[in-house]
Amino acid sequence: MQHEPLNLTRLAGTSQSSGNEFGFLLEREHESRYFDDVKDWYQHTLGTALCITSAGALVLIFRESPSKRFIPFLFIGVATFAAAKFGTASGIVGTVGAAIVFCRVPV
């Protein structure tokens, strides 16, 4: 399906006296590339939330266990999954958030 390019001179309401239009047109197919960043933001937020939530759940599950010092090592699997599924940024930010959760737990 062929779309007509979006003419910025008509949008701005300007016209040149010589009748020439600006040399640059924004095609509708390229407009969607700006919305891909928003989709990535949602993916990174979901991965970060998964990391922090799972860190909190591990702390609650193993709070009375004598092996609670090894919880961060168990968390490496969760952080690896989040980074592989949702992107590197979510793995990094989620790991930092989980480190904060783990720091607040008395050993």
Protein backbone atom coordinates (compact mmCIF):
# COMPACT_ATOMS: atom_id res chain seq x y z
CA MET A 1 0.00 0.00 0.00
CA GLN A 2 1.51 3.29 -1.13
CA HIS A 3 1.17 6.31 1.17
CA GLU A 4 1.59 9.89 0.17
CA PRO A 5 4.60 11.50 1.92
CA LEU A 6 3.77 13.96 4.66
CA ASN A 7 4.50 17.47 3.44
CA LEU A 8 5.87 19.66 6.23
CA THR A 9 5.21 22.91 4.38
CA ARG A 10 1.47 22.24 4.44
CA LEU A 11 1.62 21.37 8.14
CA ALA A 12 3.49 24.52 9.06
CA GLY A 13 1.13 26.67 7.01
CA THR A 14 4.00 28.34 5.20
CA SER A 15 4.53 28.71 1.52
CA GLN A 16 7.37 30.09 -0.46
CA SER A 17 6.73 32.76 -3.03
CA SER A 18 8.50 30.81 -5.76
CA GLY A 19 6.17 27.85 -5.29
CA ASN A 20 8.99 25.51 -4.25
CA GLU A 21 8.43 23.32 -1.24
CA PHE A 22 10.97 22.37 1.34
CA GLY A 23 13.31 19.69 0.10
CA PHE A 24 12.47 17.36 2.93
CA LEU A 25 9.39 15.22 3.39
CA LEU A 26 8.54 12.89 6.25
CA GLU A 27 7.13 9.61 5.00
CA ARG A 28 4.43 7.93 7.04
CA GLU A 29 6.32 4.63 7.09
CA HIS A 30 9.15 6.28 8.99
CA GLU A 31 6.92 7.81 11.65
CA SER A 32 6.62 4.46 13.45
CA ARG A 33 10.33 4.37 14.24
CA TYR A 34 9.79 6.96 16.95
CA PHE A 35 7.32 4.73 18.76
CA ASP A 36 9.74 1.78 18.94
CA ASP A 37 11.65 3.53 21.74
CA VAL A 38 8.48 3.64 23.84
CA LYS A 39 8.00 -0.09 23.32
CA ASP A 40 11.59 -0.71 24.45
CA TRP A 41 10.98 1.46 27.51
CA TYR A 42 8.06 -0.74 28.52
CA GLN A 43 10.15 -3.88 28.04
CA HIS A 44 13.00 -2.50 30.16
CA THR A 45 10.60 -1.43 32.89
CA LEU A 46 8.98 -4.86 32.95
CA GLY A 47 12.37 -6.59 33.20
CA THR A 48 13.50 -4.27 35.97
CA ALA A 49 10.29 -4.85 37.90
CA LEU A 50 10.76 -8.61 37.49
CA CYS A 51 14.28 -8.40 38.94
CA ILE A 52 13.34 -6.28 41.93
CA THR A 53 10.19 -8.26 42.68
CA SER A 54 11.98 -11.59 42.48
CA ALA A 55 14.76 -10.27 44.73
CA GLY A 56 12.15 -9.26 47.31
CA ALA A 57 10.43 -12.64 47.00
CA LEU A 58 13.72 -14.50 47.49
CA VAL A 59 14.43 -12.43 50.59
CA LEU A 60 11.01 -13.22 52.03
CA ILE A 61 11.25 -16.93 51.22
CA PHE A 62 14.74 -17.41 52.66
CA ARG A 63 14.61 -14.93 55.57
CA GLU A 64 14.64 -17.68 58.22
CA SER A 65 16.99 -19.96 56.31
CA PRO A 66 20.60 -20.35 57.46
CA SER A 67 21.69 -20.14 53.83
CA LYS A 68 20.25 -16.68 53.19
CA ARG A 69 23.73 -15.36 52.47
CA PHE A 70 23.63 -17.19 49.15
CA ILE A 71 20.45 -15.48 47.91
CA PRO A 72 22.35 -13.05 45.66
CA PHE A 73 23.99 -16.00 43.93
CA LEU A 74 20.56 -17.51 43.25
CA PHE A 75 19.52 -14.17 41.85
CA ILE A 76 22.15 -14.31 39.10
CA GLY A 77 19.88 -16.67 37.17
CA VAL A 78 16.96 -14.23 37.39
CA ALA A 79 19.14 -11.31 36.28
CA THR A 80 20.48 -13.33 33.36
CA PHE A 81 16.96 -14.26 32.28
CA ALA A 82 15.79 -10.64 32.52
CA ALA A 83 18.75 -9.41 30.49
CA ALA A 84 18.21 -12.06 27.81
CA LYS A 85 14.44 -11.60 27.58
CA PHE A 86 13.94 -7.86 28.19
CA GLY A 87 17.27 -6.31 27.24
CA THR A 88 20.59 -5.46 28.78
CA ALA A 89 19.34 -2.23 30.36
CA SER A 90 16.70 -4.07 32.36
CA GLY A 91 19.31 -6.57 33.56
CA ILE A 92 21.65 -3.82 34.72
CA VAL A 93 19.04 -1.63 36.40
CA GLY A 94 17.31 -4.67 37.88
CA THR A 95 20.58 -5.92 39.34
CA VAL A 96 21.24 -2.54 40.93
CA GLY A 97 17.71 -2.52 42.36
CA ALA A 98 18.14 -6.05 43.67
CA ALA A 99 21.45 -5.07 45.27
CA ILE A 100 19.61 -2.35 47.16
CA VAL A 101 17.02 -4.91 48.29
CA PHE A 102 19.74 -7.31 49.39
CA CYS A 103 21.62 -4.56 51.28
CA ARG A 104 18.56 -3.81 53.39
CA VAL A 105 18.28 -7.42 54.60
CA PRO A 106 20.08 -8.10 57.88
CA VAL A 107 22.33 -11.15 57.74
